Protein backbone atom coordinates (compact mmCIF):
# COMPACT_ATOMS: atom_id res chain seq x y z
CA MET A 1 14.40 -52.39 -35.49
CA ASP A 2 17.08 -53.29 -37.98
CA GLU A 3 19.02 -56.48 -38.56
CA CYS A 4 22.67 -56.66 -39.58
CA TYR A 5 24.83 -59.59 -40.63
CA SER A 6 28.52 -59.27 -41.45
CA LYS A 7 30.52 -62.10 -42.97
CA ASP A 8 33.69 -60.31 -41.88
CA THR A 9 32.86 -60.23 -38.16
CA ALA A 10 30.60 -63.32 -38.40
CA ILE A 11 28.15 -61.44 -36.17
CA SER A 12 24.41 -61.37 -36.80
CA SER A 13 22.64 -58.71 -34.75
CA LEU A 14 19.31 -57.02 -34.15
CA THR A 15 19.16 -53.40 -33.04
CA GLY A 16 16.08 -51.73 -31.60
CA ILE A 17 15.38 -48.13 -30.62
CA LEU A 18 12.48 -47.29 -28.31
CA ILE A 19 10.53 -44.31 -29.67
CA PRO A 20 7.97 -43.01 -27.12
CA ALA A 21 4.67 -42.47 -28.94
CA HIS A 22 3.99 -39.18 -27.16
CA ASN A 23 7.35 -37.79 -28.39
CA TYR A 24 6.97 -39.02 -31.95
CA PRO A 25 5.64 -35.76 -33.51
CA ASP A 26 8.48 -33.70 -32.03
CA LEU A 27 11.10 -36.28 -32.98
CA ARG A 28 9.77 -36.41 -36.53
CA VAL A 29 10.23 -32.63 -36.84
CA LYS A 30 13.77 -32.92 -35.51
CA PHE A 31 14.59 -35.70 -37.97
CA TYR A 32 13.58 -33.56 -40.94
CA GLU A 33 15.53 -30.62 -39.53
CA ILE A 34 18.64 -32.76 -39.99
CA LEU A 35 17.85 -33.02 -43.70
CA GLN A 36 16.88 -29.38 -44.20
CA TRP A 37 19.90 -28.92 -46.44
CA ALA A 38 18.44 -31.49 -48.86
CA ILE A 39 14.78 -30.52 -48.51
CA GLN A 40 15.45 -26.87 -49.36
CA PRO A 41 18.68 -26.82 -51.38
CA GLY A 42 17.89 -23.36 -52.73
CA GLU A 43 15.43 -20.49 -52.58
CA HIS A 44 11.91 -21.51 -53.61
CA ILE A 45 13.07 -25.12 -54.08
CA VAL A 46 11.58 -28.03 -52.16
CA SER A 47 12.93 -31.54 -52.74
CA SER A 48 12.25 -34.97 -51.29
CA PRO A 49 15.06 -35.85 -48.86
CA PRO A 50 17.30 -38.87 -49.52
CA GLU A 51 16.75 -42.14 -47.70
CA LEU A 52 19.37 -42.53 -44.99
CA HIS A 53 20.46 -46.09 -45.65
CA THR A 54 23.99 -47.01 -44.71
CA SER A 55 24.52 -49.52 -47.52
CA ALA A 56 24.64 -46.46 -49.80
CA PHE A 57 24.71 -43.60 -47.33
CA LEU A 58 24.43 -40.23 -49.13
CA SER A 59 26.45 -41.73 -51.96
CA ASP A 60 26.41 -38.48 -53.95
CA GLN A 61 27.94 -36.48 -51.07
CA ASP A 62 31.50 -36.16 -49.82
CA ASP A 63 32.78 -37.67 -46.57
CA THR A 64 32.37 -34.42 -44.64
CA VAL A 65 28.63 -34.28 -45.35
CA LYS A 66 28.25 -37.97 -44.55
CA LEU A 67 29.97 -37.61 -41.18
CA GLN A 68 28.02 -34.46 -40.31
CA ASN A 69 24.69 -36.19 -40.93
CA LEU A 70 25.70 -39.31 -39.02
CA GLU A 71 26.67 -37.12 -36.06
CA ARG A 72 23.33 -35.29 -36.25
CA VAL A 73 21.39 -38.55 -36.20
CA THR A 74 23.49 -39.71 -33.25
CA ASP A 75 22.73 -36.43 -31.45
CA LEU A 76 19.02 -36.94 -32.16
CA VAL A 77 19.14 -40.30 -30.39
CA VAL A 78 21.29 -39.25 -27.44
CA ASN A 79 19.92 -35.76 -26.77
CA ASN A 80 16.34 -37.03 -26.76
CA ARG A 81 17.24 -39.90 -24.44
CA LEU A 82 16.08 -42.60 -26.80
CA ARG A 83 16.95 -46.09 -25.60
CA ILE A 84 18.93 -48.57 -27.68
CA TYR A 85 18.80 -52.34 -27.22
CA ARG A 86 21.07 -54.56 -29.28
CA VAL A 87 21.82 -58.26 -29.29
CA GLY A 88 24.00 -60.30 -31.60
CA TYR A 89 25.38 -63.80 -32.02
CA TYR A 90 28.47 -65.21 -33.67
CA VAL A 91 27.49 -67.32 -36.66
CA THR A 92 29.73 -70.38 -36.84
CA LYS A 93 29.69 -73.73 -38.61
CA GLU A 94 28.29 -75.24 -35.44
CA THR A 95 25.40 -72.78 -35.15
CA VAL A 96 24.53 -73.31 -38.83
CA ARG A 97 24.51 -77.06 -38.23
CA LEU A 98 22.34 -76.77 -35.12
CA MET A 99 19.91 -74.21 -36.60
CA PRO A 100 19.80 -74.85 -40.37
CA HIS A 101 16.47 -73.02 -40.72
CA ASP A 102 17.80 -69.88 -39.02
CA LYS A 103 21.36 -69.71 -40.29
CA GLN A 104 21.78 -66.03 -39.40
CA LEU A 105 20.16 -66.58 -36.00
CA LEU A 106 17.66 -63.76 -36.50
CA GLY A 107 14.94 -65.67 -34.65
CA LEU A 108 17.31 -66.14 -31.74
CA CYS A 109 18.18 -62.43 -31.82
CA TRP A 110 14.46 -61.55 -31.66
CA PHE A 111 13.87 -63.94 -28.77
CA SER A 112 16.76 -62.35 -26.88
CA MET A 113 15.56 -58.85 -27.74
CA VAL A 114 12.15 -59.62 -26.21
CA ALA A 115 13.93 -60.96 -23.11
CA MET A 116 15.93 -57.72 -22.85
CA LEU A 117 12.78 -55.63 -23.25
CA GLN A 118 10.73 -57.43 -20.61
CA PRO A 119 11.16 -54.58 -18.06
CA GLU A 120 9.83 -52.18 -20.70
CA PHE A 121 6.61 -54.05 -21.47
CA GLU A 122 5.74 -54.86 -17.88
CA SER A 123 3.68 -51.66 -17.88
CA ASP A 124 4.06 -50.01 -21.30
CA MET A 125 2.63 -51.13 -24.63
CA LEU A 126 5.23 -51.94 -27.29
CA VAL A 127 4.60 -51.79 -31.03
CA PRO A 128 7.39 -53.67 -32.84
CA VAL A 129 8.35 -52.17 -36.22
CA MET A 130 10.75 -54.19 -38.36
CA ASP A 131 12.56 -53.13 -41.51
CA GLY A 132 11.38 -54.92 -44.65
CA PHE A 133 8.86 -57.67 -45.23
CA ASN A 134 10.81 -60.87 -45.73
CA PRO A 135 8.36 -63.80 -45.31
CA GLN A 136 10.84 -65.73 -43.18
CA THR A 137 11.30 -62.72 -40.91
CA VAL A 138 7.53 -62.44 -40.52
CA ILE A 139 7.37 -66.07 -39.36
CA LYS A 140 10.12 -65.51 -36.80
CA PHE A 141 8.84 -62.20 -35.40
CA SER A 142 5.06 -62.38 -35.62
CA GLY A 143 5.09 -66.14 -35.06
CA MET A 144 6.84 -65.77 -31.72
CA ILE A 145 4.29 -63.22 -30.49
CA LYS A 146 1.42 -65.50 -31.51
CA SER A 147 3.11 -68.44 -29.77
CA GLY A 148 2.59 -66.55 -26.51
CA ASP A 149 -0.98 -65.44 -27.23
CA VAL A 150 -2.36 -68.92 -27.83
CA PRO A 151 -1.21 -70.53 -24.52
CA ARG A 152 -2.40 -67.44 -22.68
CA ALA A 153 -5.83 -67.81 -24.25
CA ALA A 154 -5.81 -71.44 -23.07
CA GLY A 155 -5.09 -70.37 -19.48
CA LEU A 156 -1.45 -71.51 -19.59
CA GLU A 157 0.28 -68.16 -19.12
CA SER A 158 2.26 -69.50 -16.16
CA ASN A 159 4.10 -71.80 -18.58
CA LEU A 160 5.36 -68.95 -20.78
CA SER A 161 9.01 -67.86 -20.76
CA PHE A 162 8.05 -64.17 -20.67
CA ARG A 163 5.42 -62.34 -18.64
CA ASN A 164 3.14 -59.58 -19.91
CA THR A 165 3.72 -60.26 -23.61
CA GLN A 166 0.10 -59.18 -24.07
CA ASN A 167 1.63 -55.68 -23.90
CA ILE A 168 3.48 -56.33 -27.17
CA LEU A 169 1.21 -55.59 -30.13
CA GLY A 170 0.08 -58.97 -31.45
CA GLU A 171 1.06 -58.16 -35.02
CA ALA A 172 4.60 -56.90 -35.56
CA LEU A 173 4.58 -54.14 -38.19
CA TYR A 174 6.88 -54.23 -41.21
CA ALA A 175 8.02 -51.02 -42.87
CA ASP A 176 9.83 -49.96 -46.01
CA SER A 177 12.67 -47.83 -44.66
CA LYS A 178 12.22 -45.41 -47.57
CA PHE A 179 9.00 -44.28 -45.89
CA SER A 180 9.85 -44.99 -42.25
CA ILE A 181 12.19 -42.41 -40.79
CA PHE A 182 12.94 -44.22 -37.54
CA THR A 183 13.67 -47.42 -39.41
CA GLN A 184 16.35 -45.32 -41.10
CA VAL A 185 17.60 -44.18 -37.70
CA ALA A 186 17.71 -47.80 -36.51
CA ASP A 187 19.69 -48.71 -39.63
CA ILE A 188 22.25 -45.99 -38.89
CA VAL A 189 22.58 -47.00 -35.24
CA SER A 190 22.90 -50.65 -36.25
CA TYR A 191 25.67 -49.83 -38.72
CA LEU A 192 27.58 -47.62 -36.30
CA ARG A 193 27.52 -50.33 -33.63
CA HIS A 194 28.66 -52.81 -36.29
CA ILE A 195 31.71 -50.56 -36.71
CA ALA A 196 32.37 -51.03 -32.99
CA ASP A 197 32.16 -54.81 -33.52
CA TRP A 198 34.66 -54.53 -36.35
CA SER A 199 37.11 -52.63 -34.15
CA ARG A 200 36.69 -55.04 -31.22
CA GLU A 201 37.36 -58.01 -33.51
CA GLY A 202 40.68 -56.46 -34.49
CA LEU A 203 39.91 -56.03 -38.18
CA THR A 204 41.68 -53.34 -40.17
CA MET A 205 39.75 -50.12 -40.77
CA THR A 206 40.14 -47.25 -43.19
CA ASP A 207 40.64 -43.71 -41.88
CA PHE A 208 37.00 -42.92 -42.69
CA LYS A 209 35.76 -45.86 -40.67
CA ARG A 210 37.92 -44.79 -37.73
CA GLN A 211 35.97 -41.56 -37.76
CA LEU A 212 32.78 -43.61 -37.79
CA LEU A 213 34.07 -45.49 -34.75
CA HIS A 214 34.26 -42.19 -32.88
CA ILE A 215 30.64 -41.40 -33.80
CA SER A 216 29.65 -44.91 -32.74
CA GLY A 217 31.14 -44.23 -29.33
CA MET A 218 28.91 -41.16 -29.00
CA LEU A 219 25.93 -43.54 -28.79
CA THR A 220 27.16 -45.02 -25.50
CA PRO A 221 24.81 -42.98 -23.25
CA ALA A 222 21.81 -44.37 -25.17
CA LEU A 223 22.89 -48.02 -24.98
CA ILE A 224 20.66 -49.64 -22.37
CA ARG A 225 21.85 -53.14 -23.23
CA GLU A 226 24.18 -54.46 -25.90
CA GLU A 227 25.32 -58.06 -25.95
CA ILE A 228 27.25 -60.09 -28.53
CA VAL A 229 26.96 -63.75 -27.58
CA ALA A 230 29.19 -66.69 -28.48
CA LEU A 231 27.02 -69.79 -28.14
CA ASN A 232 28.85 -72.41 -26.08
CA GLY A 233 31.81 -70.05 -26.12
CA SER A 234 32.29 -70.71 -29.83
CA ARG A 235 33.67 -67.91 -31.98
CA PRO A 236 34.84 -68.09 -35.60
CA VAL A 237 38.49 -68.77 -36.28
CA ARG A 238 39.93 -65.72 -38.03
CA ASP A 239 43.23 -65.40 -39.87
CA ASN A 240 44.39 -61.95 -38.78
CA SER A 241 47.47 -62.16 -40.98
CA GLN A 242 45.26 -61.06 -43.89
CA PRO A 243 44.31 -57.35 -43.79
CA ASN A 244 40.61 -56.55 -43.84
CA GLU A 245 39.08 -53.21 -44.63
CA ILE A 246 35.62 -51.77 -44.27
């Protein structure tokens, strides 16, 4: 999973990709095939590949290389029928006032993500893997799982909002994306879908980002559910007379 918050769109989102455990070895090979150009840049040379992180995506490469690699990651997701779930909320003055301890609504995004995934963990075991190890994120993610375990242990499962949460690993895992290849993939997918948000909100885009919007659209077959929610119908007031670029 990967979180994303944009002050420009005022959208805070959480993106998750389901990676079947039995396909993981094959998918890992395919991921590194994408980066073969960096792993073996010359004869008898082996190098560590760059981290694919969109805040500084292949910063030493030109736009053509960047777009090619983003397309390859998108193909990896779509061609292998990986499933994307994404939920986001508009962050407004009202939501900040109502939830001062979760200003970017990440806890709410996680709650909604679990709700979306309920059909998945009715029979399959889920192992949540989250980018980074922010203590506040740990409280929101792992704390919510534990909040279901304790009532269940007390025989109060019928009072829980979600069924079968025992099929979600009790301890969410937290990974440094530098060493977690599918956290990198989630970051890329999250960013590309953020580009779609940017377009939908009517913000001005550079030519390069318009090309990213096309790649973002290529993810459509893998999108099982994607929702951007305005709580109580409230969305930020935006002055579109001022050009914005991304």
